[in-house]
C-alpha atoms as a PDB file:
ATOM      1  CA  MET A   1      12.209  -5.199 -45.582  1.00  0.00           C
ATOM      2  CA  PRO A   2      10.118  -7.427 -47.798  1.00  0.00           C
ATOM      3  CA  LYS A   3      11.649  -8.872 -51.301  1.00  0.00           C
ATOM      4  CA  LEU A   4      10.313  -6.803 -54.013  1.00  0.00           C
ATOM      5  CA  SER A   5       9.088  -8.708 -57.389  1.00  0.00           C
ATOM      6  CA  PRO A   6      11.246  -8.268 -59.990  1.00  0.00           C
ATOM      7  CA  ARG A   7       8.816  -5.858 -61.724  1.00  0.00           C
ATOM      8  CA  ARG A   8       8.710  -3.507 -58.691  1.00  0.00           C
ATOM      9  CA  GLU A   9      13.144  -4.089 -58.209  1.00  0.00           C
ATOM     10  CA  ARG A  10      13.246  -2.939 -61.778  1.00  0.00           C
ATOM     11  CA  GLU A  11      10.458   0.210 -61.486  1.00  0.00           C
ATOM     12  CA  ARG A  12      12.525   1.158 -57.736  1.00  0.00           C
ATOM     13  CA  GLN A  13      15.623   0.965 -60.033  1.00  0.00           C
ATOM     14  CA  ARG A  14      14.112   3.045 -62.380  1.00  0.00           C
ATOM     15  CA  HIS A  15      12.950   5.643 -59.641  1.00  0.00           C
ATOM     16  CA  ILE A  16      16.502   5.727 -58.169  1.00  0.00           C
ATOM     17  CA  ARG A  17      18.226   6.212 -62.082  1.00  0.00           C
ATOM     18  CA  ASP A  18      15.911   9.088 -62.786  1.00  0.00           C
ATOM     19  CA  ILE A  19      16.571  10.572 -59.124  1.00  0.00           C
ATOM     20  CA  LEU A  20      20.299  10.412 -59.750  1.00  0.00           C
ATOM     21  CA  SER A  21      19.886  11.987 -63.249  1.00  0.00           C
ATOM     22  CA  VAL A  22      18.502  14.977 -61.933  1.00  0.00           C
ATOM     23  CA  ALA A  23      20.885  15.276 -59.249  1.00  0.00           C
ATOM     24  CA  GLU A  24      23.653  15.107 -61.022  1.00  0.00           C
ATOM     25  CA  SER A  25      22.624  17.548 -63.337  1.00  0.00           C
ATOM     26  CA  MET A  26      21.477  20.307 -60.439  1.00  0.00           C
ATOM     27  CA  PHE A  27      24.687  19.703 -58.312  1.00  0.00           C
ATOM     28  CA  SER A  28      26.863  20.531 -61.466  1.00  0.00           C
ATOM     29  CA  GLU A  29      24.635  23.508 -62.151  1.00  0.00           C
ATOM     30  CA  GLN A  30      24.504  24.848 -58.602  1.00  0.00           C
ATOM     31  CA  GLY A  31      26.711  22.866 -56.759  1.00  0.00           C
ATOM     32  CA  PHE A  32      26.327  21.186 -53.597  1.00  0.00           C
ATOM     33  CA  PHE A  33      25.053  23.273 -51.002  1.00  0.00           C
ATOM     34  CA  ARG A  34      22.508  25.663 -53.161  1.00  0.00           C
ATOM     35  CA  VAL A  35      20.613  22.250 -54.044  1.00  0.00           C
ATOM     36  CA  THR A  36      17.947  21.163 -52.194  1.00  0.00           C
ATOM     37  CA  MET A  37      16.542  17.733 -51.776  1.00  0.00           C
ATOM     38  CA  ARG A  38      13.008  19.319 -52.669  1.00  0.00           C
ATOM     39  CA  GLU A  39      14.396  20.916 -55.451  1.00  0.00           C
ATOM     40  CA  ILE A  40      15.625  17.557 -56.854  1.00  0.00           C
ATOM     41  CA  ALA A  41      11.890  16.206 -55.916  1.00  0.00           C
ATOM     42  CA  THR A  42      10.423  18.194 -57.798  1.00  0.00           C
ATOM     43  CA  ARG A  43      12.480  18.173 -60.551  1.00  0.00           C
ATOM     44  CA  ALA A  44      12.501  14.550 -60.721  1.00  0.00           C
ATOM     45  CA  GLU A  45       8.520  14.480 -60.405  1.00  0.00           C
ATOM     46  CA  PHE A  46       8.786  13.015 -57.050  1.00  0.00           C
ATOM     47  CA  ALA A  47       7.607  13.101 -53.422  1.00  0.00           C
ATOM     48  CA  LEU A  48      10.351  14.556 -50.864  1.00  0.00           C
ATOM     49  CA  GLY A  49       9.430  11.851 -49.082  1.00  0.00           C
ATOM     50  CA  THR A  50       9.912   9.338 -51.707  1.00  0.00           C
ATOM     51  CA  VAL A  51      13.222  10.612 -52.680  1.00  0.00           C
ATOM     52  CA  TYR A  52      14.438  10.587 -48.676  1.00  0.00           C
ATOM     53  CA  SER A  53      13.066   6.771 -49.003  1.00  0.00           C
ATOM     54  CA  TYR A  54      14.719   5.906 -51.957  1.00  0.00           C
ATOM     55  CA  VAL A  55      17.894   7.949 -51.736  1.00  0.00           C
ATOM     56  CA  GLY A  56      18.460   8.960 -47.954  1.00  0.00           C
ATOM     57  CA  ASN A  57      20.078  11.946 -47.469  1.00  0.00           C
ATOM     58  CA  LYS A  58      21.546  14.965 -49.876  1.00  0.00           C
ATOM     59  CA  LYS A  59      25.307  14.025 -48.971  1.00  0.00           C
ATOM     60  CA  ARG A  60      24.172   9.851 -49.732  1.00  0.00           C
ATOM     61  CA  LEU A  61      22.456  11.276 -52.905  1.00  0.00           C
ATOM     62  CA  TYR A  62      25.506  13.262 -53.879  1.00  0.00           C
ATOM     63  CA  HIS A  63      27.491  10.135 -53.122  1.00  0.00           C
ATOM     64  CA  MET A  64      25.505   8.081 -55.135  1.00  0.00           C
ATOM     65  CA  VAL A  65      25.906  10.476 -58.257  1.00  0.00           C
ATOM     66  CA  ILE A  66      29.691  10.053 -57.985  1.00  0.00           C
ATOM     67  CA  GLU A  67      29.792   6.506 -57.082  1.00  0.00           C
ATOM     68  CA  THR A  68      27.497   5.757 -60.414  1.00  0.00           C
ATOM     69  CA  LYS A  69      29.116   7.877 -62.502  1.00  0.00           C
ATOM     70  CA  VAL A  70      32.887   6.790 -61.334  1.00  0.00           C
ATOM     71  CA  ASN A  71      31.853   3.149 -61.649  1.00  0.00           C
ATOM     72  CA  GLU A  72      30.493   2.877 -64.805  1.00  0.00           C
ATOM     73  CA  LEU A  73      33.693   4.975 -66.085  1.00  0.00           C
ATOM     74  CA  ILE A  74      35.936   2.381 -64.197  1.00  0.00           C
ATOM     75  CA  ASP A  75      33.743  -0.196 -65.584  1.00  0.00           C
ATOM     76  CA  ALA A  76      34.360   0.711 -69.047  1.00  0.00           C
ATOM     77  CA  VAL A  77      37.921   0.846 -69.177  1.00  0.00           C
ATOM     78  CA  THR A  78      38.832  -2.068 -67.081  1.00  0.00           C
ATOM     79  CA  GLU A  79      36.768  -4.247 -70.013  1.00  0.00           C
ATOM     80  CA  GLU A  80      38.371  -2.352 -72.368  1.00  0.00           C
ATOM     81  CA  MET A  81      41.998  -2.710 -71.002  1.00  0.00           C
ATOM     82  CA  THR A  82      41.390  -6.095 -69.982  1.00  0.00           C
ATOM     83  CA  ALA A  83      40.411  -7.280 -73.484  1.00  0.00           C
ATOM     84  CA  THR A  84      43.359  -5.769 -74.923  1.00  0.00           C
ATOM     85  CA  SER A  85      46.924  -7.608 -74.665  1.00  0.00           C
ATOM     86  CA  SER A  86      49.256  -4.530 -76.080  1.00  0.00           C
ATOM     87  CA  ASP A  87      50.411  -2.110 -73.856  1.00  0.00           C
ATOM     88  CA  GLN A  88      50.345   0.478 -76.098  1.00  0.00           C
ATOM     89  CA  GLU A  89      46.466  -0.459 -77.127  1.00  0.00           C
ATOM     90  CA  LYS A  90      45.700  -0.267 -73.680  1.00  0.00           C
ATOM     91  CA  ILE A  91      46.584   3.349 -72.938  1.00  0.00           C
ATOM     92  CA  ARG A  92      45.278   4.503 -76.439  1.00  0.00           C
ATOM     93  CA  LYS A  93      41.911   2.747 -75.064  1.00  0.00           C
ATOM     94  CA  PHE A  94      42.271   4.362 -71.564  1.00  0.00           C
ATOM     95  CA  ILE A  95      42.732   7.526 -73.307  1.00  0.00           C
ATOM     96  CA  SER A  96      39.475   6.989 -75.817  1.00  0.00           C
ATOM     97  CA  ILE A  97      37.277   5.759 -73.285  1.00  0.00           C
ATOM     98  CA  LYS A  98      38.005   7.969 -70.616  1.00  0.00           C
ATOM     99  CA  LEU A  99      37.180  11.145 -73.155  1.00  0.00           C
ATOM    100  CA  SER A 100      34.407  10.040 -74.722  1.00  0.00           C
ATOM    101  CA  PHE A 101      32.656   9.351 -71.578  1.00  0.00           C
ATOM    102  CA  LEU A 102      33.089  12.942 -70.381  1.00  0.00           C
ATOM    103  CA  ARG A 103      31.810  13.844 -74.213  1.00  0.00           C
ATOM    104  CA  ARG A 104      28.875  11.788 -73.201  1.00  0.00           C
ATOM    105  CA  ASN A 105      28.432  12.979 -69.345  1.00  0.00           C
ATOM    106  CA  PRO A 106      28.759  16.980 -69.455  1.00  0.00           C
ATOM    107  CA  ALA A 107      27.089  17.583 -66.463  1.00  0.00           C
ATOM    108  CA  PHE A 108      29.568  15.191 -64.861  1.00  0.00           C
ATOM    109  CA  ILE A 109      32.755  16.851 -65.705  1.00  0.00           C
ATOM    110  CA  ARG A 110      32.397  19.140 -62.871  1.00  0.00           C
ATOM    111  CA  LEU A 111      31.306  17.086 -60.694  1.00  0.00           C
ATOM    112  CA  PHE A 112      34.230  14.629 -61.323  1.00  0.00           C
ATOM    113  CA  LEU A 113      36.680  17.297 -61.375  1.00  0.00           C
ATOM    114  CA  ALA A 114      35.756  19.075 -58.532  1.00  0.00           C
ATOM    115  CA  GLU A 115      35.859  15.168 -56.329  1.00  0.00           C
ATOM    116  CA  ILE A 116      39.335  14.230 -58.447  1.00  0.00           C
ATOM    117  CA  TYR A 117      41.259  17.328 -58.119  1.00  0.00           C
ATOM    118  CA  LEU A 118      40.316  20.075 -56.259  1.00  0.00           C
ATOM    119  CA  PRO A 119      40.631  19.928 -51.936  1.00  0.00           C
ATOM    120  CA  GLN A 120      37.014  20.323 -50.192  1.00  0.00           C
ATOM    121  CA  ARG A 121      36.496  21.850 -47.471  1.00  0.00           C
ATOM    122  CA  ASP A 122      33.779  20.115 -46.155  1.00  0.00           C
ATOM    123  CA  SER A 123      35.182  16.591 -45.339  1.00  0.00           C
ATOM    124  CA  GLY A 124      31.707  15.414 -45.728  1.00  0.00           C
ATOM    125  CA  HIS A 125      31.595  16.550 -49.374  1.00  0.00           C
ATOM    126  CA  VAL A 126      34.455  13.862 -50.631  1.00  0.00           C
ATOM    127  CA  LEU A 127      34.791  10.942 -53.100  1.00  0.00           C
ATOM    128  CA  PRO A 128      33.210   8.091 -51.351  1.00  0.00           C
ATOM    129  CA  VAL A 129      36.579   5.914 -49.974  1.00  0.00           C
ATOM    130  CA  SER A 130      35.192   3.113 -51.795  1.00  0.00           C
ATOM    131  CA  VAL A 131      35.388   4.524 -55.198  1.00  0.00           C
ATOM    132  CA  ARG A 132      38.364   6.889 -55.203  1.00  0.00           C
ATOM    133  CA  LYS A 133      40.129   3.479 -53.733  1.00  0.00           C
ATOM    134  CA  ARG A 134      39.112   1.755 -57.054  1.00  0.00           C
ATOM    135  CA  TYR A 135      39.455   5.034 -58.944  1.00  0.00           C
ATOM    136  CA  ASP A 136      42.884   4.703 -57.748  1.00  0.00           C
ATOM    137  CA  SER A 137      43.725   1.095 -58.479  1.00  0.00           C
ATOM    138  CA  MET A 138      42.684   1.730 -61.781  1.00  0.00           C
ATOM    139  CA  LEU A 139      45.133   4.667 -62.073  1.00  0.00           C
ATOM    140  CA  ARG A 140      47.891   2.368 -60.501  1.00  0.00           C
ATOM    141  CA  ASP A 141      46.909  -0.296 -63.400  1.00  0.00           C
ATOM    142  CA  LEU A 142      47.085   2.206 -66.110  1.00  0.00           C
ATOM    143  CA  THR A 143      50.580   3.413 -64.641  1.00  0.00           C
ATOM    144  CA  GLY A 144      52.190  -0.300 -64.677  1.00  0.00           C
ATOM    145  CA  VAL A 145      50.985  -0.322 -67.936  1.00  0.00           C
ATOM    146  CA  ILE A 146      53.231   2.952 -69.056  1.00  0.00           C
ATOM    147  CA  GLU A 147      56.120   1.610 -66.959  1.00  0.00           C
ATOM    148  CA  ARG A 148      56.286  -1.561 -68.807  1.00  0.00           C
END
């Protein structure tokens, strides 16, 4: 694939963000299995082929939604905990940031809780391994802080 100009790459990233936002909302409202790629494309105001070209299939899109949001949460928590030296303050920051993030992302709460806490029947419908590892690593870091 030829390298995109900076403007075209920004446009591509904006389109992907738009698609992810719509998909997050629809997956949260209706669940993974009740949403079709055609419905996502229609609501996002893109042609179906365009959506597939940006995100691949529905399972990949779902994983992208989860991965994007969980990484956003982990990045915020990690940044704040790293900038704080007191263990007590790190714990307070963790709780504050996570609650604030969930308040700002209500559609994501249902998806997040289903992925983190509920067993899934479909092995393809689970938190991507890389995201699970990163989330678990964040929790291990927090556990270390609590133990200290």
